[in-house]
Amino acid sequence: MIDKFERDLLRGSLDLMILSVLAGGKKYGYLLQKQVRDASAGRIDLPAGTLYPLLHRLEEDKLIRSSWDDESGRKRKWYELTAAGQKRLKSQAQQWFDYAQCVRELLQSAAIIPKPA
């Protein structure tokens, strides 16, 4: 099994990952990092220097919105999907599934991976 995914492979799917995590409800930065890390069995670890610029860009694109909250005694910036973000998530998810199926079929036709029984 691969320990970590290659950076180039991840680059095109980070938006999709963050939007999908936020589909489960509001999260602050550390929770986003943790959920991606846990869901990938530790193969994807988003450092703050990657995550926060990504969140800022998604917010500028109106796909997510943020709000500050200090109810837990610690001031945190929470992020959530907007309606446009939900729409983008559905569109990107379908594109990703179609793309993955295309790559799978190409690898199977080249006998790189076995065809399903």
Protein backbone atom coordinates (compact mmCIF):
# COMPACT_ATOMS: atom_id res chain seq x y z
CA MET A 1 0.00 0.00 0.00
CA ILE A 2 1.14 3.55 -0.70
CA ASP A 3 2.13 5.49 2.41
CA LYS A 4 1.23 8.93 1.06
CA PHE A 5 -0.32 10.05 -2.19
CA GLU A 6 1.84 12.04 -4.58
CA ARG A 7 1.44 15.80 -4.40
CA ASP A 8 0.48 16.08 -8.09
CA LEU A 9 -2.29 13.52 -7.62
CA LEU A 10 -3.71 15.43 -4.66
CA ARG A 11 -3.51 18.89 -6.16
CA GLY A 12 -6.57 18.44 -8.36
CA SER A 13 -8.76 16.98 -5.64
CA LEU A 14 -8.13 19.10 -2.55
CA ASP A 15 -11.16 21.33 -3.17
CA LEU A 16 -13.35 18.25 -3.50
CA MET A 17 -11.97 16.82 -0.26
CA ILE A 18 -12.57 19.99 1.75
CA LEU A 19 -16.04 20.55 0.30
CA SER A 20 -16.96 16.94 1.06
CA VAL A 21 -15.82 17.22 4.68
CA LEU A 22 -17.83 20.43 5.07
CA ALA A 23 -20.91 18.68 3.65
CA GLY A 24 -21.09 17.01 7.06
CA GLY A 25 -21.49 20.36 8.82
CA LYS A 26 -19.44 23.25 10.16
CA LYS A 27 -15.79 22.57 10.98
CA TYR A 28 -12.81 24.62 12.07
CA GLY A 29 -9.36 24.14 10.57
CA TYR A 30 -8.01 21.45 12.84
CA LEU A 31 -11.20 19.37 12.50
CA LEU A 32 -10.92 19.61 8.72
CA GLN A 33 -7.30 18.43 8.84
CA LYS A 34 -8.18 15.59 11.20
CA GLN A 35 -11.16 14.35 9.22
CA VAL A 36 -9.18 14.27 5.96
CA ARG A 37 -6.29 12.52 7.71
CA ASP A 38 -8.58 9.99 9.38
CA ALA A 39 -10.63 9.27 6.24
CA SER A 40 -7.42 8.65 4.29
CA ALA A 41 -5.89 6.42 6.96
CA GLY A 42 -3.13 8.99 7.41
CA ARG A 43 -2.15 9.13 3.72
CA ILE A 44 -3.32 12.72 3.34
CA ASP A 45 -2.02 15.19 5.88
CA LEU A 46 -2.87 18.78 4.99
CA PRO A 47 -0.43 21.18 6.63
CA ALA A 48 -1.80 24.56 7.71
CA GLY A 49 0.23 26.22 4.94
CA THR A 50 -1.81 24.28 2.39
CA LEU A 51 -5.18 24.21 4.13
CA TYR A 52 -5.70 27.86 5.04
CA PRO A 53 -4.89 29.37 1.62
CA LEU A 54 -7.26 26.77 0.16
CA LEU A 55 -10.01 27.78 2.62
CA HIS A 56 -9.46 31.47 1.84
CA ARG A 57 -9.74 30.80 -1.90
CA LEU A 58 -12.91 28.73 -1.45
CA GLU A 59 -14.35 31.56 0.62
CA GLU A 60 -13.42 34.16 -2.01
CA ASP A 61 -15.16 31.96 -4.58
CA LYS A 62 -18.28 31.98 -2.33
CA LEU A 63 -18.21 28.17 -2.01
CA ILE A 64 -17.81 28.34 1.77
CA ARG A 65 -18.38 30.98 4.42
CA SER A 66 -16.74 31.46 7.77
CA SER A 67 -17.72 32.79 11.17
CA TRP A 68 -15.92 33.26 14.45
CA ASP A 69 -17.11 31.52 17.59
CA ASP A 70 -15.68 31.38 21.10
CA GLU A 71 -18.37 29.37 22.90
CA SER A 72 -15.85 26.66 23.75
CA GLY A 73 -13.69 29.24 25.50
CA ARG A 74 -11.34 29.37 22.53
CA LYS A 75 -11.92 31.68 19.56
CA ARG A 76 -12.15 29.58 16.41
CA LYS A 77 -13.03 30.30 12.81
CA TRP A 78 -15.68 27.86 11.59
CA TYR A 79 -16.29 27.06 7.93
CA GLU A 80 -19.43 25.81 6.23
CA LEU A 81 -20.68 25.15 2.73
CA THR A 82 -22.78 27.69 0.87
CA ALA A 83 -25.48 26.72 -1.63
CA ALA A 84 -22.93 27.36 -4.39
CA GLY A 85 -20.46 25.10 -2.55
CA GLN A 86 -23.02 22.30 -2.36
CA LYS A 87 -23.68 22.65 -6.08
CA ARG A 88 -19.94 22.62 -6.85
CA LEU A 89 -19.43 19.58 -4.61
CA LYS A 90 -22.08 17.58 -6.48
CA SER A 91 -20.62 18.59 -9.84
CA GLN A 92 -17.01 17.86 -8.86
CA ALA A 93 -17.96 14.56 -7.22
CA GLN A 94 -19.64 13.37 -10.43
CA GLN A 95 -16.65 14.49 -12.50
CA TRP A 96 -14.28 12.72 -10.12
CA PHE A 97 -16.24 9.46 -10.28
CA ASP A 98 -16.37 9.63 -14.08
CA TYR A 99 -12.64 10.37 -14.26
CA ALA A 100 -11.75 7.58 -11.82
CA GLN A 101 -13.87 5.13 -13.83
CA CYS A 102 -12.10 6.18 -17.03
CA VAL A 103 -8.65 5.67 -15.46
CA ARG A 104 -9.75 2.32 -13.97
CA GLU A 105 -10.96 1.13 -17.39
CA LEU A 106 -7.70 2.21 -19.04
CA LEU A 107 -5.64 0.39 -16.42
CA GLN A 108 -7.78 -2.72 -16.76
CA SER A 109 -7.49 -2.71 -20.56
CA ALA A 110 -3.72 -2.48 -20.21
CA ALA A 111 -3.83 -5.37 -17.71
CA ILE A 112 -2.24 -3.16 -15.04
CA ILE A 113 -5.04 -3.94 -12.62
CA PRO A 114 -7.40 -6.94 -12.80
CA LYS A 115 -10.89 -6.64 -14.23
CA PRO A 116 -13.69 -7.34 -11.76
CA ALA A 117 -15.01 -10.90 -11.84
